[in-house]
């Protein structure tokens, strides 16, 4: 399934929040991203329709197996690209912001080449 950047951002946010707490609510996602409740509700609804997110018996958001796989991929791109930019001398805030934009558009081939380069030359964090 091809997903738009905004959907990927929501998946990544749910993943990041789930690393911090097993109880992730839509309101937590909205606060983290700075988005309104209606925007979050619509996005979560679309992610549920696509089988990427579900709500458990207590009303908490849970990534499905597919949702978690996609979220991990997005998050890995974010962290690797951020580290690459920091290694190049970019300040951490700018590096993270630029990585956040690029992570949604970089090809798998280019990303794999970056990871291989970083592993080969000791740039990995």
N, C-alpha and C. Protein backbone atom coordinates (compact mmCIF):
# COMPACT_ATOMS: atom_id res chain seq x y z
N UNK A 1 0.84 -1.18 0.00
CA UNK A 1 0.00 0.00 0.00
C UNK A 1 0.88 1.24 0.00
N UNK A 2 0.63 2.14 -0.88
CA UNK A 2 1.34 3.40 -0.93
C UNK A 2 0.63 4.39 0.00
N UNK A 3 1.40 5.05 0.83
CA UNK A 3 0.82 5.95 1.80
C UNK A 3 1.37 7.35 1.63
N UNK A 4 0.53 8.32 1.90
CA UNK A 4 0.98 9.70 1.83
C UNK A 4 1.86 10.03 3.03
N UNK A 5 2.61 11.11 2.90
CA UNK A 5 3.52 11.54 3.96
C UNK A 5 2.80 11.70 5.29
N UNK A 6 1.61 12.29 5.30
CA UNK A 6 0.90 12.52 6.56
C UNK A 6 0.58 11.20 7.26
N UNK A 7 0.18 10.19 6.51
CA UNK A 7 -0.10 8.89 7.11
C UNK A 7 1.14 8.28 7.72
N UNK A 8 2.25 8.43 7.03
CA UNK A 8 3.52 7.93 7.56
C UNK A 8 3.90 8.66 8.84
N UNK A 9 3.64 9.95 8.88
CA UNK A 9 3.95 10.73 10.09
C UNK A 9 3.13 10.24 11.28
N UNK A 10 1.87 9.94 11.05
CA UNK A 10 1.03 9.41 12.13
C UNK A 10 1.54 8.05 12.59
N UNK A 11 1.87 7.17 11.67
CA UNK A 11 2.40 5.86 12.04
C UNK A 11 3.67 6.00 12.87
N UNK A 12 4.56 6.86 12.40
CA UNK A 12 5.82 7.06 13.11
C UNK A 12 5.57 7.62 14.50
N UNK A 13 4.64 8.54 14.62
CA UNK A 13 4.32 9.13 15.92
C UNK A 13 3.76 8.08 16.87
N UNK A 14 2.83 7.27 16.40
CA UNK A 14 2.27 6.21 17.25
C UNK A 14 3.38 5.26 17.69
N UNK A 15 4.27 4.93 16.77
CA UNK A 15 5.40 4.05 17.10
C UNK A 15 6.29 4.68 18.17
N UNK A 16 6.67 5.93 17.99
CA UNK A 16 7.53 6.61 18.96
C UNK A 16 6.86 6.66 20.33
N UNK A 17 5.58 7.03 20.35
CA UNK A 17 4.85 7.11 21.62
C UNK A 17 4.72 5.73 22.26
N UNK A 18 4.57 4.68 21.43
CA UNK A 18 4.45 3.33 21.99
C UNK A 18 5.76 2.83 22.58
N UNK A 19 6.88 3.40 22.14
CA UNK A 19 8.16 3.06 22.75
C UNK A 19 8.28 3.67 24.15
N UNK A 20 7.56 4.76 24.37
CA UNK A 20 7.59 5.46 25.66
C UNK A 20 6.53 4.95 26.62
N UNK A 21 5.41 4.45 26.09
CA UNK A 21 4.29 4.00 26.91
C UNK A 21 3.45 3.01 26.12
N UNK A 22 2.93 2.01 26.81
CA UNK A 22 2.06 1.04 26.12
C UNK A 22 0.65 1.59 25.94
N UNK A 23 0.37 2.72 26.58
CA UNK A 23 -0.97 3.33 26.52
C UNK A 23 -0.92 4.59 25.65
N UNK A 24 -1.15 4.44 24.36
CA UNK A 24 -1.13 5.57 23.43
C UNK A 24 -2.56 5.89 23.03
N UNK A 25 -2.95 7.14 23.24
CA UNK A 25 -4.30 7.58 22.90
C UNK A 25 -4.21 8.56 21.73
N UNK A 26 -5.34 8.76 21.07
CA UNK A 26 -5.39 9.72 19.97
C UNK A 26 -4.99 11.11 20.45
N UNK A 27 -5.40 11.47 21.67
CA UNK A 27 -5.06 12.79 22.21
C UNK A 27 -3.55 12.94 22.37
N UNK A 28 -2.86 11.85 22.70
CA UNK A 28 -1.39 11.88 22.81
C UNK A 28 -0.76 12.16 21.45
N UNK A 29 -1.31 11.53 20.43
CA UNK A 29 -0.82 11.72 19.07
C UNK A 29 -1.00 13.18 18.67
N UNK A 30 -2.17 13.73 18.94
CA UNK A 30 -2.46 15.13 18.61
C UNK A 30 -1.53 16.09 19.32
N UNK A 31 -1.29 15.85 20.60
CA UNK A 31 -0.39 16.71 21.37
C UNK A 31 1.04 16.63 20.83
N UNK A 32 1.49 15.44 20.53
CA UNK A 32 2.85 15.24 20.03
C UNK A 32 3.06 15.93 18.69
N UNK A 33 2.06 15.83 17.83
CA UNK A 33 2.18 16.38 16.48
C UNK A 33 1.69 17.82 16.37
N UNK A 34 0.95 18.29 17.38
CA UNK A 34 0.42 19.64 17.34
C UNK A 34 -0.79 19.76 16.42
N UNK A 35 -1.56 18.68 16.28
CA UNK A 35 -2.72 18.67 15.40
C UNK A 35 -4.01 18.65 16.21
N UNK A 36 -5.08 19.10 15.58
CA UNK A 36 -6.39 19.15 16.23
C UNK A 36 -7.00 17.76 16.35
N UNK A 37 -7.94 17.62 17.28
CA UNK A 37 -8.63 16.33 17.47
C UNK A 37 -9.31 15.85 16.19
N UNK A 38 -10.02 16.72 15.44
CA UNK A 38 -10.64 16.24 14.21
C UNK A 38 -9.64 15.72 13.18
N UNK A 39 -8.50 16.39 13.06
CA UNK A 39 -7.46 15.94 12.12
C UNK A 39 -6.92 14.58 12.52
N UNK A 40 -6.66 14.42 13.80
CA UNK A 40 -6.13 13.16 14.30
C UNK A 40 -7.17 12.05 14.13
N UNK A 41 -8.41 12.36 14.45
CA UNK A 41 -9.49 11.37 14.34
C UNK A 41 -9.62 10.87 12.90
N UNK A 42 -9.57 11.79 11.97
CA UNK A 42 -9.68 11.41 10.55
C UNK A 42 -8.50 10.54 10.13
N UNK A 43 -7.31 10.95 10.50
CA UNK A 43 -6.11 10.19 10.12
C UNK A 43 -6.10 8.80 10.75
N UNK A 44 -6.45 8.72 12.01
CA UNK A 44 -6.48 7.42 12.69
C UNK A 44 -7.53 6.52 12.03
N UNK A 45 -8.67 7.11 11.67
CA UNK A 45 -9.71 6.35 10.97
C UNK A 45 -9.20 5.76 9.67
N UNK A 46 -8.44 6.54 8.92
CA UNK A 46 -7.88 6.05 7.65
C UNK A 46 -6.85 4.95 7.89
N UNK A 47 -6.04 5.12 8.94
CA UNK A 47 -5.05 4.09 9.26
C UNK A 47 -5.74 2.79 9.68
N UNK A 48 -6.85 2.92 10.40
CA UNK A 48 -7.62 1.73 10.79
C UNK A 48 -8.21 1.05 9.56
N UNK A 49 -8.77 1.86 8.66
CA UNK A 49 -9.35 1.32 7.41
C UNK A 49 -8.32 0.53 6.62
N UNK A 50 -7.09 0.99 6.66
CA UNK A 50 -6.01 0.36 5.90
C UNK A 50 -5.33 -0.78 6.68
N UNK A 51 -5.86 -1.09 7.85
CA UNK A 51 -5.35 -2.21 8.62
C UNK A 51 -4.00 -1.97 9.26
N UNK A 52 -3.67 -0.72 9.53
CA UNK A 52 -2.36 -0.39 10.11
C UNK A 52 -2.42 -0.10 11.60
N UNK A 53 -3.61 0.27 12.07
CA UNK A 53 -3.81 0.62 13.48
C UNK A 53 -5.12 0.01 13.93
N UNK A 54 -5.17 -0.36 15.19
CA UNK A 54 -6.42 -0.82 15.79
C UNK A 54 -6.54 -0.17 17.17
N UNK A 55 -7.72 -0.27 17.74
CA UNK A 55 -7.95 0.21 19.10
C UNK A 55 -8.17 -1.00 19.98
N UNK A 56 -7.48 -1.07 21.11
CA UNK A 56 -7.65 -2.23 21.99
C UNK A 56 -8.90 -2.06 22.85
N UNK A 57 -9.15 -3.02 23.72
CA UNK A 57 -10.36 -3.02 24.55
C UNK A 57 -10.45 -1.83 25.51
N UNK A 58 -9.32 -1.20 25.78
CA UNK A 58 -9.29 -0.02 26.67
C UNK A 58 -9.30 1.29 25.89
N UNK A 59 -9.36 1.19 24.56
CA UNK A 59 -9.41 2.39 23.73
C UNK A 59 -8.05 2.94 23.34
N UNK A 60 -6.99 2.20 23.63
CA UNK A 60 -5.65 2.65 23.27
C UNK A 60 -5.30 2.23 21.85
N UNK A 61 -4.48 3.04 21.19
CA UNK A 61 -4.06 2.75 19.82
C UNK A 61 -2.95 1.71 19.83
N UNK A 62 -3.07 0.75 18.94
CA UNK A 62 -2.05 -0.28 18.77
C UNK A 62 -1.76 -0.42 17.28
N UNK A 63 -0.50 -0.50 16.94
CA UNK A 63 -0.13 -0.75 15.55
C UNK A 63 -0.36 -2.23 15.25
N UNK A 64 -0.90 -2.51 14.09
CA UNK A 64 -0.99 -3.90 13.65
C UNK A 64 0.41 -4.35 13.25
N UNK A 65 0.55 -5.61 12.92
CA UNK A 65 1.86 -6.12 12.49
C UNK A 65 2.37 -5.33 11.28
N UNK A 66 1.48 -5.12 10.30
CA UNK A 66 1.86 -4.35 9.11
C UNK A 66 2.15 -2.90 9.46
N UNK A 67 1.33 -2.31 10.33
CA UNK A 67 1.53 -0.93 10.75
C UNK A 67 2.86 -0.74 11.46
N UNK A 68 3.19 -1.69 12.33
CA UNK A 68 4.46 -1.61 13.05
C UNK A 68 5.64 -1.77 12.11
N UNK A 69 5.52 -2.65 11.14
CA UNK A 69 6.61 -2.84 10.17
C UNK A 69 6.85 -1.55 9.39
N UNK A 70 5.77 -0.93 8.92
CA UNK A 70 5.92 0.33 8.19
C UNK A 70 6.47 1.43 9.09
N UNK A 71 5.98 1.50 10.32
CA UNK A 71 6.44 2.54 11.26
C UNK A 71 7.92 2.38 11.57
N UNK A 72 8.37 1.14 11.76
CA UNK A 72 9.79 0.89 12.04
C UNK A 72 10.66 1.33 10.87
N UNK A 73 10.19 1.08 9.66
CA UNK A 73 10.94 1.49 8.47
C UNK A 73 11.06 3.01 8.41
N UNK A 74 9.97 3.69 8.64
CA UNK A 74 9.96 5.15 8.61
C UNK A 74 10.88 5.70 9.70
N UNK A 75 10.76 5.13 10.91
CA UNK A 75 11.56 5.60 12.04
C UNK A 75 13.05 5.33 11.79
N UNK A 76 13.37 4.19 11.22
CA UNK A 76 14.78 3.89 10.91
C UNK A 76 15.32 4.93 9.92
N UNK A 77 14.54 5.24 8.91
CA UNK A 77 14.99 6.25 7.95
C UNK A 77 15.24 7.57 8.66
N UNK A 78 14.33 7.94 9.53
CA UNK A 78 14.47 9.20 10.26
C UNK A 78 15.76 9.21 11.09
N UNK A 79 15.98 8.16 11.87
CA UNK A 79 17.14 8.15 12.76
C UNK A 79 18.46 8.06 12.00
N UNK A 80 18.51 7.25 10.95
CA UNK A 80 19.74 7.11 10.17
C UNK A 80 20.06 8.41 9.44
N UNK A 81 19.06 9.00 8.80
CA UNK A 81 19.30 10.26 8.08
C UNK A 81 19.69 11.39 9.03
N UNK A 82 19.03 11.44 10.19
CA UNK A 82 19.40 12.46 11.19
C UNK A 82 20.86 12.31 11.58
N UNK A 83 21.27 11.07 11.86
CA UNK A 83 22.66 10.83 12.26
C UNK A 83 23.63 11.18 11.14
N UNK A 84 23.28 10.85 9.90
CA UNK A 84 24.13 11.20 8.76
C UNK A 84 24.34 12.70 8.70
N UNK A 85 23.26 13.45 8.80
CA UNK A 85 23.36 14.91 8.71
C UNK A 85 24.16 15.50 9.87
N UNK A 86 23.99 14.94 11.06
CA UNK A 86 24.78 15.39 12.21
C UNK A 86 26.26 15.11 11.96
N UNK A 87 26.54 13.90 11.44
CA UNK A 87 27.93 13.54 11.13
C UNK A 87 28.54 14.48 10.09
N UNK A 88 27.70 15.05 9.23
CA UNK A 88 28.18 15.99 8.22
C UNK A 88 28.37 17.40 8.76
N UNK A 89 27.97 17.60 10.03
CA UNK A 89 28.17 18.91 10.67
C UNK A 89 26.91 19.74 10.80
N UNK A 90 25.75 19.17 10.49
CA UNK A 90 24.48 19.90 10.63
C UNK A 90 24.06 19.82 12.09
N UNK A 91 23.51 20.93 12.62
CA UNK A 91 23.06 20.91 14.01
C UNK A 91 21.89 19.93 14.15
N UNK A 92 21.72 19.40 15.36
CA UNK A 92 20.75 18.33 15.58
C UNK A 92 19.32 18.70 15.21
N UNK A 93 18.90 19.91 15.54
CA UNK A 93 17.53 20.34 15.25
C UNK A 93 17.27 20.38 13.74
N UNK A 94 18.20 20.97 13.01
CA UNK A 94 18.07 21.05 11.55
C UNK A 94 18.18 19.67 10.93
N UNK A 95 19.10 18.86 11.43
CA UNK A 95 19.28 17.51 10.91
C UNK A 95 18.00 16.70 11.06
N UNK A 96 17.35 16.77 12.21
CA UNK A 96 16.11 16.03 12.45
C UNK A 96 14.98 16.54 11.56
N UNK A 97 14.89 17.85 11.41
CA UNK A 97 13.84 18.43 10.57
C UNK A 97 14.02 18.04 9.10
N UNK A 98 15.26 18.09 8.62
CA UNK A 98 15.53 17.72 7.23
C UNK A 98 15.29 16.22 7.02
N UNK A 99 15.72 15.41 7.97
CA UNK A 99 15.50 13.96 7.88
C UNK A 99 14.01 13.65 7.82
N UNK A 100 13.23 14.39 8.60
CA UNK A 100 11.78 14.18 8.64
C UNK A 100 11.14 14.42 7.27
N UNK A 101 11.66 15.37 6.55
CA UNK A 101 11.12 15.64 5.20
C UNK A 101 11.60 14.60 4.19
N UNK A 102 12.87 14.26 4.25
CA UNK A 102 13.47 13.37 3.27
C UNK A 102 13.03 11.92 3.45
N UNK A 103 12.79 11.50 4.68
CA UNK A 103 12.48 10.09 4.96
C UNK A 103 11.28 9.57 4.18
N UNK A 104 10.40 10.45 3.76
CA UNK A 104 9.18 10.04 3.07
C UNK A 104 9.38 9.89 1.55
N UNK A 105 10.49 10.39 1.05
CA UNK A 105 10.68 10.42 -0.40
C UNK A 105 11.91 9.68 -0.90
N UNK A 106 12.84 9.38 -0.02
CA UNK A 106 14.07 8.73 -0.45
C UNK A 106 13.76 7.30 -0.91
N UNK A 107 14.43 6.89 -1.97
CA UNK A 107 14.21 5.54 -2.49
C UNK A 107 14.86 4.52 -1.56
N UNK A 108 14.37 3.31 -1.63
CA UNK A 108 14.95 2.23 -0.83
C UNK A 108 16.40 1.99 -1.23
N UNK A 109 16.68 2.08 -2.54
CA UNK A 109 18.04 1.86 -3.03
C UNK A 109 19.01 2.89 -2.45
N UNK A 110 18.62 4.16 -2.48
CA UNK A 110 19.49 5.21 -1.95
C UNK A 110 19.66 5.07 -0.45
N UNK A 111 18.56 4.78 0.25
CA UNK A 111 18.65 4.62 1.69
C UNK A 111 19.56 3.45 2.06
N UNK A 112 19.42 2.34 1.37
CA UNK A 112 20.29 1.19 1.63
C UNK A 112 21.75 1.54 1.38
N UNK A 113 22.01 2.33 0.35
CA UNK A 113 23.39 2.76 0.06
C UNK A 113 23.93 3.64 1.18
N UNK A 114 23.09 4.51 1.71
CA UNK A 114 23.51 5.38 2.83
C UNK A 114 23.84 4.52 4.05
N UNK A 115 22.97 3.56 4.35
CA UNK A 115 23.22 2.68 5.50
C UNK A 115 24.52 1.89 5.31
N UNK A 116 24.73 1.39 4.11
CA UNK A 116 25.95 0.63 3.84
C UNK A 116 27.18 1.51 3.99
N UNK A 117 27.10 2.73 3.50
CA UNK A 117 28.21 3.68 3.61
C UNK A 117 28.52 3.97 5.08
N UNK A 118 27.46 4.23 5.85
CA UNK A 118 27.66 4.55 7.26
C UNK A 118 28.25 3.36 8.02
N UNK A 119 27.82 2.15 7.69
CA UNK A 119 28.36 0.96 8.34
C UNK A 119 29.83 0.75 7.94
N UNK A 120 30.12 0.99 6.68
CA UNK A 120 31.47 0.76 6.15
C UNK A 120 32.46 1.77 6.74
N UNK A 121 32.04 3.00 6.90
CA UNK A 121 32.96 4.04 7.36
C UNK A 121 32.76 4.46 8.80
N UNK A 122 32.00 3.68 9.54
CA UNK A 122 31.86 3.92 10.97
C UNK A 122 31.05 5.14 11.33
N UNK A 123 30.16 5.58 10.42
CA UNK A 123 29.33 6.75 10.69
C UNK A 123 28.05 6.39 11.44
N UNK A 124 27.80 5.10 11.61
CA UNK A 124 26.56 4.70 12.28
C UNK A 124 26.62 5.10 13.74
N UNK A 125 25.46 5.43 14.27
CA UNK A 125 25.46 5.89 15.67
C UNK A 125 25.63 4.78 16.64
